[in-house]
């Protein structure tokens, strides 16, 4: 269930410093829910933390444009 995943990831985000992995997964869930603007924001935040994540660069270049 995507909404349950979103809630779980939000709790992880609130529990401590955000990690690139949690931010990327939040972006993935937001994208799957159709929230493309939120997805891009999470992916960009994750990339800002870990510029070596090729998966994030691909999602941002190929993914939603809003």
Protein backbone atom coordinates (compact mmCIF):
# COMPACT_ATOMS: atom_id res chain seq x y z
CA UNK A 1 0.00 0.00 0.00
CA UNK A 2 1.58 3.24 -1.17
CA UNK A 3 -0.04 5.42 1.48
CA UNK A 4 1.27 3.16 4.24
CA UNK A 5 4.74 3.28 2.68
CA UNK A 6 4.54 7.07 2.51
CA UNK A 7 3.55 7.29 6.19
CA UNK A 8 6.36 4.92 7.21
CA UNK A 9 8.96 6.88 5.24
CA UNK A 10 7.68 10.20 6.63
CA UNK A 11 8.14 8.83 10.16
CA UNK A 12 11.69 7.77 9.28
CA UNK A 13 12.33 11.25 7.91
CA UNK A 14 11.02 12.90 11.08
CA UNK A 15 12.93 10.53 13.39
CA UNK A 16 16.36 11.77 12.47
CA UNK A 17 18.48 13.45 9.88
CA UNK A 18 17.15 12.62 6.42
CA UNK A 19 19.18 10.13 4.44
CA UNK A 20 19.45 10.07 0.67
CA UNK A 21 17.90 6.60 0.66
CA UNK A 22 14.78 7.66 2.58
CA UNK A 23 14.41 10.80 0.48
CA UNK A 24 14.75 8.81 -2.74
CA UNK A 25 12.15 6.28 -1.63
CA UNK A 26 9.79 9.08 -0.61
CA UNK A 27 10.20 10.50 -4.09
CA UNK A 28 9.45 7.10 -5.60
CA UNK A 29 6.27 6.75 -3.55
CA UNK A 30 5.15 10.29 -4.37
CA UNK A 31 5.75 9.58 -8.07
CA UNK A 32 3.72 6.36 -7.85
CA UNK A 33 0.91 8.33 -6.18
CA UNK A 34 0.95 10.85 -9.04
CA UNK A 35 2.54 13.65 -7.00
CA UNK A 36 5.28 14.42 -9.49
CA UNK A 37 6.24 17.82 -8.08
CA UNK A 38 6.77 16.34 -4.62
CA UNK A 39 8.67 13.42 -6.15
CA UNK A 40 11.13 15.75 -7.88
CA UNK A 41 11.67 17.74 -4.66
CA UNK A 42 12.50 14.59 -2.67
CA UNK A 43 14.76 13.26 -5.43
CA UNK A 44 16.60 16.57 -5.63
CA UNK A 45 17.07 16.69 -1.85
CA UNK A 46 18.44 13.14 -1.98
CA UNK A 47 20.81 14.02 -4.81
CA UNK A 48 21.99 17.08 -2.87
CA UNK A 49 23.03 14.69 -0.09
CA UNK A 50 24.53 12.01 -2.31
CA UNK A 51 25.63 13.29 -5.71
CA UNK A 52 26.97 9.85 -6.67
CA UNK A 53 23.53 8.18 -6.84
CA UNK A 54 23.12 7.54 -10.56
CA UNK A 55 19.54 6.38 -9.98
CA UNK A 56 18.60 9.86 -8.80
CA UNK A 57 20.21 11.61 -11.74
CA UNK A 58 18.29 9.30 -14.07
CA UNK A 59 14.97 9.89 -12.29
CA UNK A 60 15.45 13.64 -12.40
CA UNK A 61 16.43 13.67 -16.07
CA UNK A 62 13.89 11.07 -17.29
CA UNK A 63 11.17 11.50 -14.69
CA UNK A 64 8.27 13.87 -14.21
CA UNK A 65 8.77 17.43 -15.29
CA UNK A 66 6.53 19.27 -12.84
